[in-house]
């Protein structure tokens, strides 16, 4: 088993998209049914251990309200990867994804991997989910090379309440960051 240090990842996206619930689900914590908005930034750590690796995630859960933009932009420094979250039941959160890409891209001066998560798929019918999944993949392809500091990698359809694809998304990002760090050490 390979042991890696901490990796800093950010959870970003509009308010009430389920970022905090995704984080809690990944960490194996009790999911609170009451909505409590993240004020500014919330930091948590979670150690993942499996037969391949040991990695500590520093998860920076960014408050999605516009009034926290100045706070967020200062916290992006040192970020090694991110999960950009939208709420499949609120189309405006998907429409705002590009604003989040612009904010993150202008706040860092190096390239990081970013995954897009379409959360709350449990609130939609199958056909609606399929439509969002297709739109999200198109978005990924359309904006893949637009931002010099962001490498759009992959899209996951998630449900924080049931845990669907949550662990997979976090681990995928963690493995990408570790591979990137390993490649940089070889240079």
C-alpha atoms as a PDB file:
ATOM      1  CA  UNK A   1       0.000   0.000   0.000  1.00  0.00           C
ATOM      2  CA  UNK A   2       1.237   3.486  -0.877  1.00  0.00           C
ATOM      3  CA  UNK A   3       0.870   6.213   1.728  1.00  0.00           C
ATOM      4  CA  UNK A   4       0.295   9.717   0.442  1.00  0.00           C
ATOM      5  CA  UNK A   5       0.050  12.999   2.305  1.00  0.00           C
ATOM      6  CA  UNK A   6      -2.935  15.283   2.429  1.00  0.00           C
ATOM      7  CA  UNK A   7      -4.594  16.532  -0.738  1.00  0.00           C
ATOM      8  CA  UNK A   8      -6.585  19.763  -0.745  1.00  0.00           C
ATOM      9  CA  UNK A   9      -9.827  19.571  -2.681  1.00  0.00           C
ATOM     10  CA  UNK A  10     -12.637  22.101  -2.965  1.00  0.00           C
ATOM     11  CA  UNK A  11     -16.363  21.494  -3.193  1.00  0.00           C
ATOM     12  CA  UNK A  12     -17.898  24.358  -5.120  1.00  0.00           C
ATOM     13  CA  UNK A  13     -21.194  25.274  -6.701  1.00  0.00           C
ATOM     14  CA  UNK A  14     -24.365  27.198  -5.935  1.00  0.00           C
ATOM     15  CA  UNK A  15     -25.867  27.145  -2.456  1.00  0.00           C
ATOM     16  CA  UNK A  16     -28.138  24.223  -1.536  1.00  0.00           C
ATOM     17  CA  UNK A  17     -26.743  21.877  -4.189  1.00  0.00           C
ATOM     18  CA  UNK A  18     -25.811  19.309  -1.543  1.00  0.00           C
ATOM     19  CA  UNK A  19     -22.078  19.978  -1.214  1.00  0.00           C
ATOM     20  CA  UNK A  20     -22.051  19.565   2.564  1.00  0.00           C
ATOM     21  CA  UNK A  21     -24.190  16.427   2.375  1.00  0.00           C
ATOM     22  CA  UNK A  22     -21.824  14.988  -0.257  1.00  0.00           C
ATOM     23  CA  UNK A  23     -18.895  15.672   2.067  1.00  0.00           C
ATOM     24  CA  UNK A  24     -20.664  14.091   5.055  1.00  0.00           C
ATOM     25  CA  UNK A  25     -21.704  11.085   2.971  1.00  0.00           C
ATOM     26  CA  UNK A  26     -18.118  10.542   1.803  1.00  0.00           C
ATOM     27  CA  UNK A  27     -16.876  10.797   5.384  1.00  0.00           C
ATOM     28  CA  UNK A  28     -19.455   8.263   6.589  1.00  0.00           C
ATOM     29  CA  UNK A  29     -21.116  10.799   8.891  1.00  0.00           C
ATOM     30  CA  UNK A  30     -24.769  11.044   9.861  1.00  0.00           C
ATOM     31  CA  UNK A  31     -26.715  13.002   7.259  1.00  0.00           C
ATOM     32  CA  UNK A  32     -28.657  15.894   8.767  1.00  0.00           C
ATOM     33  CA  UNK A  33     -32.094  16.329   7.206  1.00  0.00           C
ATOM     34  CA  UNK A  34     -32.209  20.005   8.220  1.00  0.00           C
ATOM     35  CA  UNK A  35     -30.715  22.390   5.689  1.00  0.00           C
ATOM     36  CA  UNK A  36     -27.957  24.531   7.135  1.00  0.00           C
ATOM     37  CA  UNK A  37     -26.175  26.811   4.731  1.00  0.00           C
ATOM     38  CA  UNK A  38     -22.372  26.789   4.826  1.00  0.00           C
ATOM     39  CA  UNK A  39     -21.178  30.172   6.044  1.00  0.00           C
ATOM     40  CA  UNK A  40     -18.044  31.078   4.109  1.00  0.00           C
ATOM     41  CA  UNK A  41     -15.903  27.940   4.126  1.00  0.00           C
ATOM     42  CA  UNK A  42     -16.015  24.715   6.122  1.00  0.00           C
ATOM     43  CA  UNK A  43     -12.913  22.528   6.331  1.00  0.00           C
ATOM     44  CA  UNK A  44     -12.956  18.812   7.129  1.00  0.00           C
ATOM     45  CA  UNK A  45     -10.417  16.019   6.800  1.00  0.00           C
ATOM     46  CA  UNK A  46     -11.037  12.385   5.970  1.00  0.00           C
ATOM     47  CA  UNK A  47      -8.494   9.584   5.767  1.00  0.00           C
ATOM     48  CA  UNK A  48      -9.175   6.926   3.151  1.00  0.00           C
ATOM     49  CA  UNK A  49      -7.379   3.604   3.440  1.00  0.00           C
ATOM     50  CA  UNK A  50      -7.717   0.665   1.071  1.00  0.00           C
ATOM     51  CA  UNK A  51      -5.423  -2.068  -0.269  1.00  0.00           C
ATOM     52  CA  UNK A  52      -3.868   0.372  -2.786  1.00  0.00           C
ATOM     53  CA  UNK A  53      -3.387   3.596  -0.898  1.00  0.00           C
ATOM     54  CA  UNK A  54      -3.743   5.712   2.184  1.00  0.00           C
ATOM     55  CA  UNK A  55      -4.704   9.298   1.460  1.00  0.00           C
ATOM     56  CA  UNK A  56      -5.948  12.158   3.620  1.00  0.00           C
ATOM     57  CA  UNK A  57      -8.490  14.426   1.985  1.00  0.00           C
ATOM     58  CA  UNK A  58      -8.631  18.044   3.128  1.00  0.00           C
ATOM     59  CA  UNK A  59     -12.132  18.951   1.964  1.00  0.00           C
ATOM     60  CA  UNK A  60     -12.839  22.654   1.646  1.00  0.00           C
ATOM     61  CA  UNK A  61     -16.612  23.052   1.419  1.00  0.00           C
ATOM     62  CA  UNK A  62     -17.180  26.487  -0.120  1.00  0.00           C
ATOM     63  CA  UNK A  63     -20.329  28.427   0.741  1.00  0.00           C
ATOM     64  CA  UNK A  64     -22.190  28.944  -2.523  1.00  0.00           C
ATOM     65  CA  UNK A  65     -23.756  32.344  -1.864  1.00  0.00           C
ATOM     66  CA  UNK A  66     -22.468  35.266  -3.902  1.00  0.00           C
ATOM     67  CA  UNK A  67     -21.547  37.242  -0.766  1.00  0.00           C
ATOM     68  CA  UNK A  68     -18.810  34.669   0.006  1.00  0.00           C
ATOM     69  CA  UNK A  69     -16.975  35.085  -3.294  1.00  0.00           C
ATOM     70  CA  UNK A  70     -14.139  37.150  -1.802  1.00  0.00           C
ATOM     71  CA  UNK A  71     -13.615  34.594   0.967  1.00  0.00           C
ATOM     72  CA  UNK A  72     -13.699  31.697  -1.495  1.00  0.00           C
ATOM     73  CA  UNK A  73     -11.181  33.175  -3.917  1.00  0.00           C
ATOM     74  CA  UNK A  74      -8.608  33.462  -1.113  1.00  0.00           C
ATOM     75  CA  UNK A  75      -9.170  29.853  -0.054  1.00  0.00           C
ATOM     76  CA  UNK A  76      -8.560  28.389  -3.522  1.00  0.00           C
ATOM     77  CA  UNK A  77      -4.801  28.884  -3.090  1.00  0.00           C
ATOM     78  CA  UNK A  78      -3.120  25.496  -2.806  1.00  0.00           C
ATOM     79  CA  UNK A  79      -6.112  23.606  -4.159  1.00  0.00           C
ATOM     80  CA  UNK A  80      -5.097  20.387  -5.884  1.00  0.00           C
ATOM     81  CA  UNK A  81      -8.490  19.384  -7.295  1.00  0.00           C
ATOM     82  CA  UNK A  82     -12.179  20.095  -7.116  1.00  0.00           C
ATOM     83  CA  UNK A  83     -15.712  18.812  -7.323  1.00  0.00           C
ATOM     84  CA  UNK A  84     -18.090  21.240  -9.044  1.00  0.00           C
ATOM     85  CA  UNK A  85     -21.640  20.433  -7.903  1.00  0.00           C
ATOM     86  CA  UNK A  86     -25.036  21.288  -9.347  1.00  0.00           C
ATOM     87  CA  UNK A  87     -28.512  20.254  -8.207  1.00  0.00           C
ATOM     88  CA  UNK A  88     -30.312  18.286 -10.915  1.00  0.00           C
ATOM     89  CA  UNK A  89     -33.674  19.458  -9.578  1.00  0.00           C
ATOM     90  CA  UNK A  90     -32.727  23.159  -9.962  1.00  0.00           C
ATOM     91  CA  UNK A  91     -31.774  23.979 -13.588  1.00  0.00           C
ATOM     92  CA  UNK A  92     -30.333  27.378 -12.649  1.00  0.00           C
ATOM     93  CA  UNK A  93     -27.528  25.633 -10.743  1.00  0.00           C
ATOM     94  CA  UNK A  94     -26.474  23.875 -13.952  1.00  0.00           C
ATOM     95  CA  UNK A  95     -26.682  27.189 -15.836  1.00  0.00           C
ATOM     96  CA  UNK A  96     -24.275  28.734 -13.294  1.00  0.00           C
ATOM     97  CA  UNK A  97     -21.493  26.151 -13.753  1.00  0.00           C
ATOM     98  CA  UNK A  98     -19.529  28.389 -16.099  1.00  0.00           C
ATOM     99  CA  UNK A  99     -19.458  31.192 -13.498  1.00  0.00           C
ATOM    100  CA  UNK A 100     -17.880  28.766 -11.040  1.00  0.00           C
ATOM    101  CA  UNK A 101     -15.290  27.692 -13.598  1.00  0.00           C
ATOM    102  CA  UNK A 102     -14.406  31.337 -14.244  1.00  0.00           C
ATOM    103  CA  UNK A 103     -14.116  32.094 -10.514  1.00  0.00           C
ATOM    104  CA  UNK A 104     -11.829  29.136  -9.833  1.00  0.00           C
ATOM    105  CA  UNK A 105      -9.743  29.610 -12.986  1.00  0.00           C
ATOM    106  CA  UNK A 106      -9.054  33.277 -12.176  1.00  0.00           C
ATOM    107  CA  UNK A 107      -8.125  32.468  -8.555  1.00  0.00           C
ATOM    108  CA  UNK A 108      -5.310  29.984  -9.217  1.00  0.00           C
ATOM    109  CA  UNK A 109      -2.239  30.062 -11.440  1.00  0.00           C
ATOM    110  CA  UNK A 110      -1.688  26.353 -12.046  1.00  0.00           C
ATOM    111  CA  UNK A 111      -3.712  23.504 -13.560  1.00  0.00           C
ATOM    112  CA  UNK A 112      -5.975  21.329 -11.372  1.00  0.00           C
ATOM    113  CA  UNK A 113      -8.346  18.442 -12.152  1.00  0.00           C
ATOM    114  CA  UNK A 114     -12.062  19.088 -11.699  1.00  0.00           C
ATOM    115  CA  UNK A 115     -14.995  16.675 -11.740  1.00  0.00           C
ATOM    116  CA  UNK A 116     -18.598  17.763 -12.267  1.00  0.00           C
ATOM    117  CA  UNK A 117     -21.239  16.210 -10.019  1.00  0.00           C
ATOM    118  CA  UNK A 118     -24.929  16.310 -10.903  1.00  0.00           C
ATOM    119  CA  UNK A 119     -26.361  15.799  -7.419  1.00  0.00           C
ATOM    120  CA  UNK A 120     -29.830  14.852  -6.148  1.00  0.00           C
ATOM    121  CA  UNK A 121     -30.601  12.494  -9.009  1.00  0.00           C
ATOM    122  CA  UNK A 122     -33.111  10.810  -6.706  1.00  0.00           C
ATOM    123  CA  UNK A 123     -35.438  13.815  -7.150  1.00  0.00           C
ATOM    124  CA  UNK A 124     -35.854  13.289 -10.907  1.00  0.00           C
ATOM    125  CA  UNK A 125     -37.485  10.722 -13.132  1.00  0.00           C
ATOM    126  CA  UNK A 126     -35.247   8.473 -15.239  1.00  0.00           C
ATOM    127  CA  UNK A 127     -35.747  10.467 -18.470  1.00  0.00           C
ATOM    128  CA  UNK A 128     -34.902  13.767 -16.763  1.00  0.00           C
ATOM    129  CA  UNK A 129     -31.762  12.234 -15.292  1.00  0.00           C
ATOM    130  CA  UNK A 130     -30.708  10.959 -18.710  1.00  0.00           C
ATOM    131  CA  UNK A 131     -31.206  14.424 -20.190  1.00  0.00           C
ATOM    132  CA  UNK A 132     -29.052  16.074 -17.503  1.00  0.00           C
ATOM    133  CA  UNK A 133     -26.397  13.409 -17.868  1.00  0.00           C
ATOM    134  CA  UNK A 134     -26.212  14.085 -21.611  1.00  0.00           C
ATOM    135  CA  UNK A 135     -26.147  17.879 -21.106  1.00  0.00           C
ATOM    136  CA  UNK A 136     -23.420  17.523 -18.486  1.00  0.00           C
ATOM    137  CA  UNK A 137     -21.233  15.433 -20.764  1.00  0.00           C
ATOM    138  CA  UNK A 138     -21.738  17.989 -23.548  1.00  0.00           C
ATOM    139  CA  UNK A 139     -20.804  20.775 -21.118  1.00  0.00           C
ATOM    140  CA  UNK A 140     -17.670  18.874 -20.165  1.00  0.00           C
ATOM    141  CA  UNK A 141     -16.630  18.540 -23.803  1.00  0.00           C
ATOM    142  CA  UNK A 142     -17.532  22.139 -24.662  1.00  0.00           C
ATOM    143  CA  UNK A 143     -15.510  23.672 -21.821  1.00  0.00           C
ATOM    144  CA  UNK A 144     -12.742  21.074 -21.582  1.00  0.00           C
ATOM    145  CA  UNK A 145     -10.062  23.353 -23.029  1.00  0.00           C
ATOM    146  CA  UNK A 146     -11.498  26.801 -22.328  1.00  0.00           C
ATOM    147  CA  UNK A 147      -9.880  27.399 -18.937  1.00  0.00           C
ATOM    148  CA  UNK A 148      -6.087  27.128 -18.768  1.00  0.00           C
ATOM    149  CA  UNK A 149      -6.018  26.338 -15.035  1.00  0.00           C
ATOM    150  CA  UNK A 150      -8.797  23.749 -15.009  1.00  0.00           C
ATOM    151  CA  UNK A 151      -8.733  20.259 -16.437  1.00  0.00           C
ATOM    152  CA  UNK A 152     -12.326  19.051 -16.685  1.00  0.00           C
ATOM    153  CA  UNK A 153     -12.047  15.300 -16.251  1.00  0.00           C
ATOM    154  CA  UNK A 154     -15.325  13.539 -15.762  1.00  0.00           C
ATOM    155  CA  UNK A 155     -19.007  13.787 -14.854  1.00  0.00           C
ATOM    156  CA  UNK A 156     -20.732  11.809 -12.084  1.00  0.00           C
ATOM    157  CA  UNK A 157     -24.459  11.614 -11.370  1.00  0.00           C
ATOM    158  CA  UNK A 158     -24.706  11.482  -7.567  1.00  0.00           C
ATOM    159  CA  UNK A 159     -27.128  11.253  -4.696  1.00  0.00           C
ATOM    160  CA  UNK A 160     -25.643  12.348  -1.383  1.00  0.00           C
ATOM    161  CA  UNK A 161     -28.551  10.905   0.613  1.00  0.00           C
ATOM    162  CA  UNK A 162     -28.165   7.364  -0.739  1.00  0.00           C
ATOM    163  CA  UNK A 163     -24.413   7.655  -1.359  1.00  0.00           C
ATOM    164  CA  UNK A 164     -24.752   6.800  -5.057  1.00  0.00           C
ATOM    165  CA  UNK A 165     -21.417   7.513  -6.804  1.00  0.00           C
ATOM    166  CA  UNK A 166     -20.246   9.753  -3.932  1.00  0.00           C
ATOM    167  CA  UNK A 167     -17.311   7.626  -2.819  1.00  0.00           C
ATOM    168  CA  UNK A 168     -16.424   6.865  -6.428  1.00  0.00           C
ATOM    169  CA  UNK A 169     -16.226  10.570  -7.315  1.00  0.00           C
ATOM    170  CA  UNK A 170     -14.049  11.527  -4.334  1.00  0.00           C
ATOM    171  CA  UNK A 171     -11.719   8.564  -4.856  1.00  0.00           C
ATOM    172  CA  UNK A 172     -11.455   9.215  -8.592  1.00  0.00           C
ATOM    173  CA  UNK A 173     -10.384  12.787  -7.859  1.00  0.00           C
ATOM    174  CA  UNK A 174      -7.953  11.625  -5.164  1.00  0.00           C
ATOM    175  CA  UNK A 175      -6.337   9.099  -7.503  1.00  0.00           C
ATOM    176  CA  UNK A 176      -6.013  11.715 -10.267  1.00  0.00           C
ATOM    177  CA  UNK A 177      -4.293  14.112  -7.852  1.00  0.00           C
ATOM    178  CA  UNK A 178      -1.922  11.379  -6.633  1.00  0.00           C
ATOM    179  CA  UNK A 179      -1.017  10.417 -10.215  1.00  0.00           C
ATOM    180  CA  UNK A 180      -0.407  14.072 -11.051  1.00  0.00           C
ATOM    181  CA  UNK A 181       1.827  14.498  -7.995  1.00  0.00           C
ATOM    182  CA  UNK A 182       3.733  11.319  -8.895  1.00  0.00           C
ATOM    183  CA  UNK A 183       4.294  12.559 -12.447  1.00  0.00           C
ATOM    184  CA  UNK A 184       5.499  15.951 -11.164  1.00  0.00           C
ATOM    185  CA  UNK A 185       7.984  14.255  -8.832  1.00  0.00           C
ATOM    186  CA  UNK A 186       9.503  12.371 -11.785  1.00  0.00           C
ATOM    187  CA  UNK A 187      10.280  15.590 -13.643  1.00  0.00           C
END
